[in-house]
């Protein structure tokens, strides 16, 4: 006779015995609301940053800079979302799927740490190549006098290409090394035990990204000032 303890914990509240009830959903109405709230907070922070910065950049320069960040951030979020959904339904995981919130957590963790260095590397490579073949206006934040849309578009393409390259590298690493999944599972275990998918969504799509971006800001600020 097998011991009841050998089978692991049995949840009886809210249907937690079902693995599906523990795995979060990143595309339902609540998750979309959290993502919109995150976007609102990010946009508000950029507006506050402009108000506090001295001297202030000309409005057109500021708009070009912010729009590059917004376009890159939207693309990165979309790739993180798609990558998490795909990885969260891989057949080789027990029960046929794993928790997409774990994968989203891992993507944010790597994006805001080693991903920053990878982006700088790819930016350096792509800018160098572009300059070698005669592409102008590759100095980030400089769009000519007066500021030109063509210069902004060139810089946006380089920035988005660097972000996409970083993201592909991160996804490959997560695919090859299953250790990262188990680390993410361990890190989110206290949240999973609460048994509410919405708590997981708030933590991995709102609280954790905000904290990591604040830490990233202070680290970069400490280096450049």
Protein backbone atom coordinates (compact mmCIF):
# COMPACT_ATOMS: atom_id res chain seq x y z
CA UNK A 1 0.00 0.00 0.00
CA UNK A 2 1.41 3.35 -0.96
CA UNK A 3 1.61 6.12 1.60
CA UNK A 4 -0.69 9.14 1.09
CA UNK A 5 2.34 11.36 1.64
CA UNK A 6 4.16 9.80 -1.32
CA UNK A 7 1.62 11.19 -3.73
CA UNK A 8 2.35 14.78 -2.72
CA UNK A 9 -0.03 17.43 -1.40
CA UNK A 10 -3.70 17.27 -2.28
CA UNK A 11 -5.49 20.59 -2.66
CA UNK A 12 -9.15 20.78 -1.81
CA UNK A 13 -9.87 24.49 -2.05
CA UNK A 14 -10.99 26.01 -5.34
CA UNK A 15 -10.17 22.90 -7.37
CA UNK A 16 -6.41 23.19 -6.82
CA UNK A 17 -6.01 19.45 -7.28
CA UNK A 18 -6.30 20.10 -10.98
CA UNK A 19 -2.95 21.30 -12.45
CA UNK A 20 -4.94 23.40 -14.92
CA UNK A 21 -6.30 25.47 -12.02
CA UNK A 22 -2.76 26.29 -10.86
CA UNK A 23 -1.48 27.36 -14.29
CA UNK A 24 -2.21 30.99 -15.02
CA UNK A 25 -3.80 32.44 -18.15
CA UNK A 26 -2.05 35.33 -19.90
CA UNK A 27 -4.71 36.17 -22.47
CA UNK A 28 -8.02 36.25 -20.58
CA UNK A 29 -9.85 39.46 -19.69
CA UNK A 30 -8.15 39.91 -16.32
CA UNK A 31 -4.65 39.41 -17.75
CA UNK A 32 -5.34 41.86 -20.57
CA UNK A 33 -6.51 44.40 -17.98
CA UNK A 34 -3.28 43.95 -16.03
CA UNK A 35 -1.25 44.44 -19.23
CA UNK A 36 -3.14 47.65 -20.02
CA UNK A 37 -2.51 48.89 -16.47
CA UNK A 38 1.19 48.12 -16.89
CA UNK A 39 1.25 50.09 -20.13
CA UNK A 40 -0.49 53.02 -18.45
CA UNK A 41 2.04 53.04 -15.62
CA UNK A 42 4.96 52.93 -18.07
CA UNK A 43 3.55 55.80 -20.14
CA UNK A 44 2.91 57.85 -16.99
CA UNK A 45 6.47 57.26 -15.80
CA UNK A 46 7.85 58.53 -19.13
CA UNK A 47 5.74 61.69 -18.84
CA UNK A 48 6.96 62.25 -15.26
CA UNK A 49 10.54 61.66 -16.34
CA UNK A 50 10.20 64.36 -18.98
CA UNK A 51 8.79 66.79 -16.43
CA UNK A 52 11.69 66.21 -14.04
CA UNK A 53 14.56 66.11 -16.53
CA UNK A 54 16.78 69.18 -16.80
CA UNK A 55 17.43 70.43 -19.35
CA UNK A 56 14.37 69.15 -21.15
CA UNK A 57 14.82 67.72 -24.60
CA UNK A 58 12.91 69.46 -27.39
CA UNK A 59 9.44 67.98 -27.71
CA UNK A 60 10.11 66.35 -31.09
CA UNK A 61 13.36 64.75 -29.85
CA UNK A 62 11.58 63.49 -26.75
CA UNK A 63 8.75 62.07 -28.86
CA UNK A 64 11.17 60.27 -31.16
CA UNK A 65 13.08 58.80 -28.19
CA UNK A 66 9.93 57.69 -26.36
CA UNK A 67 8.31 56.24 -29.48
CA UNK A 68 11.39 54.07 -30.05
CA UNK A 69 11.10 52.75 -26.50
CA UNK A 70 7.36 52.22 -26.89
CA UNK A 71 7.69 50.35 -30.18
CA UNK A 72 10.51 48.20 -28.85
CA UNK A 73 8.71 47.54 -25.58
CA UNK A 74 5.50 46.55 -27.35
CA UNK A 75 7.37 44.16 -29.62
CA UNK A 76 9.29 42.65 -26.70
CA UNK A 77 6.10 42.20 -24.67
CA UNK A 78 4.40 40.49 -27.62
CA UNK A 79 7.34 38.13 -28.11
CA UNK A 80 7.44 37.38 -24.37
CA UNK A 81 3.72 36.65 -24.39
CA UNK A 82 3.87 34.38 -27.44
CA UNK A 83 7.01 32.65 -26.19
CA UNK A 84 5.44 32.03 -22.78
CA UNK A 85 2.22 30.66 -24.27
CA UNK A 86 4.15 28.38 -26.63
CA UNK A 87 6.54 27.15 -23.91
CA UNK A 88 3.64 26.72 -21.49
CA UNK A 89 2.02 24.14 -23.76
CA UNK A 90 4.99 22.01 -24.72
CA UNK A 91 4.07 18.36 -24.78
CA UNK A 92 7.26 17.13 -23.11
CA UNK A 93 6.24 18.67 -19.78
CA UNK A 94 4.36 16.53 -17.25
CA UNK A 95 0.57 16.64 -17.76
CA UNK A 96 1.18 18.03 -21.26
CA UNK A 97 1.69 21.65 -20.24
CA UNK A 98 3.48 23.93 -17.81
CA UNK A 99 2.65 27.27 -16.25
CA UNK A 100 2.93 30.16 -18.76
CA UNK A 101 3.47 32.57 -15.85
CA UNK A 102 6.72 30.77 -15.03
CA UNK A 103 7.96 31.32 -18.58
CA UNK A 104 6.89 34.97 -18.60
CA UNK A 105 8.68 35.47 -15.27
CA UNK A 106 11.86 33.93 -16.71
CA UNK A 107 11.68 36.08 -19.84
CA UNK A 108 11.36 39.28 -17.79
CA UNK A 109 14.18 38.17 -15.47
CA UNK A 110 16.59 37.54 -18.33
CA UNK A 111 15.46 40.58 -20.37
CA UNK A 112 16.22 43.01 -17.53
CA UNK A 113 19.55 41.45 -16.49
CA UNK A 114 21.77 39.72 -19.03
CA UNK A 115 19.41 40.84 -21.78
CA UNK A 116 20.54 44.44 -21.32
CA UNK A 117 24.14 43.48 -22.05
CA UNK A 118 23.05 41.39 -25.03
CA UNK A 119 21.08 44.34 -26.45
CA UNK A 120 24.10 46.63 -26.12
CA UNK A 121 26.23 44.03 -27.90
CA UNK A 122 23.82 43.65 -30.82
CA UNK A 123 23.33 47.42 -31.02
CA UNK A 124 27.09 47.88 -31.31
CA UNK A 125 27.34 45.20 -34.00
CA UNK A 126 24.41 46.46 -36.08
CA UNK A 127 25.36 50.14 -35.79
CA UNK A 128 28.95 49.33 -36.79
CA UNK A 129 27.79 47.33 -39.81
CA UNK A 130 25.32 50.06 -40.82
CA UNK A 131 28.01 52.73 -40.63
CA UNK A 132 30.42 50.58 -42.62
CA UNK A 133 27.93 50.33 -45.49
CA UNK A 134 27.27 54.07 -45.42
CA UNK A 135 24.01 54.35 -43.45
CA UNK A 136 23.76 57.79 -41.83
CA UNK A 137 22.21 59.05 -38.58
CA UNK A 138 23.20 56.05 -36.49
CA UNK A 139 24.02 58.03 -33.33
CA UNK A 140 21.21 57.18 -30.93
CA UNK A 141 19.05 60.16 -30.01
CA UNK A 142 20.38 62.38 -32.80
CA UNK A 143 17.92 62.91 -35.64
CA UNK A 144 19.47 65.86 -37.49
CA UNK A 145 18.58 69.56 -37.67
CA UNK A 146 15.68 69.74 -37.94
CA UNK A 147 14.81 66.24 -36.63
CA UNK A 148 14.00 63.94 -39.53
CA UNK A 149 11.60 61.02 -39.59
CA UNK A 150 14.02 59.07 -41.80
CA UNK A 151 16.74 59.23 -39.14
CA UNK A 152 14.28 58.09 -36.47
CA UNK A 153 13.16 55.19 -38.66
CA UNK A 154 16.75 54.01 -39.22
CA UNK A 155 17.47 54.06 -35.49
CA UNK A 156 14.17 52.34 -34.73
CA UNK A 157 15.01 49.52 -37.15
CA UNK A 158 18.41 48.98 -35.50
CA UNK A 159 16.88 49.07 -32.00
CA UNK A 160 14.06 46.65 -32.86
CA UNK A 161 16.51 44.32 -34.62
CA UNK A 162 18.75 44.28 -31.52
CA UNK A 163 15.75 43.57 -29.27
CA UNK A 164 14.54 40.76 -31.53
CA UNK A 165 18.03 39.23 -31.66
CA UNK A 166 18.29 39.33 -27.86
CA UNK A 167 14.85 37.77 -27.52
CA UNK A 168 15.63 34.93 -29.91
CA UNK A 169 18.83 34.18 -28.01
CA UNK A 170 16.99 34.18 -24.66
CA UNK A 171 14.26 31.87 -26.00
CA UNK A 172 16.88 29.47 -27.35
CA UNK A 173 18.62 29.40 -23.96
CA UNK A 174 15.33 28.73 -22.16
CA UNK A 175 14.55 25.96 -24.64
CA UNK A 176 17.94 24.25 -24.33
CA UNK A 177 18.43 24.48 -20.56
CA UNK A 178 15.44 23.12 -18.55
CA UNK A 179 17.16 24.25 -15.35
CA UNK A 180 15.69 27.71 -15.88
CA UNK A 181 12.14 26.35 -15.83
CA UNK A 182 12.69 24.58 -12.52
CA UNK A 183 14.27 27.74 -11.10
CA UNK A 184 11.26 29.77 -12.19
CA UNK A 185 8.93 27.14 -10.76
CA UNK A 186 10.77 27.33 -7.43
CA UNK A 187 10.75 31.15 -7.42
CA UNK A 188 7.00 31.32 -8.05
CA UNK A 189 6.09 28.42 -5.74
CA UNK A 190 4.89 30.73 -2.91
CA UNK A 191 2.58 32.50 -5.38
CA UNK A 192 1.31 29.24 -6.90
CA UNK A 193 0.39 27.86 -3.48
CA UNK A 194 -2.06 30.73 -3.03
CA UNK A 195 -4.12 28.99 -5.67
CA UNK A 196 -5.43 32.09 -7.44
CA UNK A 197 -4.36 32.49 -11.06
CA UNK A 198 -4.99 36.23 -10.88
CA UNK A 199 -2.37 36.67 -8.16
CA UNK A 200 0.20 35.01 -10.42
CA UNK A 201 -0.73 37.30 -13.30
CA UNK A 202 -0.42 40.44 -11.14
CA UNK A 203 2.97 39.32 -9.80
CA UNK A 204 4.59 38.31 -13.10
CA UNK A 205 2.99 40.90 -15.42
CA UNK A 206 2.87 43.95 -13.13
CA UNK A 207 4.79 43.84 -9.84
CA UNK A 208 7.88 41.91 -10.97
CA UNK A 209 8.42 43.86 -14.23
CA UNK A 210 8.09 47.17 -12.35
CA UNK A 211 10.60 46.11 -9.66
CA UNK A 212 13.10 44.79 -12.21
CA UNK A 213 12.88 47.91 -14.35
CA UNK A 214 13.42 50.13 -11.29
CA UNK A 215 16.51 48.11 -10.33
CA UNK A 216 17.74 48.30 -13.92
CA UNK A 217 17.23 52.09 -13.93
CA UNK A 218 19.24 52.57 -10.73
CA UNK A 219 22.07 50.30 -11.93
CA UNK A 220 22.39 52.16 -15.24
CA UNK A 221 22.06 55.55 -13.53
CA UNK A 222 24.85 54.64 -11.11
CA UNK A 223 27.15 53.82 -14.00
CA UNK A 224 26.55 56.84 -16.23
CA UNK A 225 26.27 59.69 -13.73
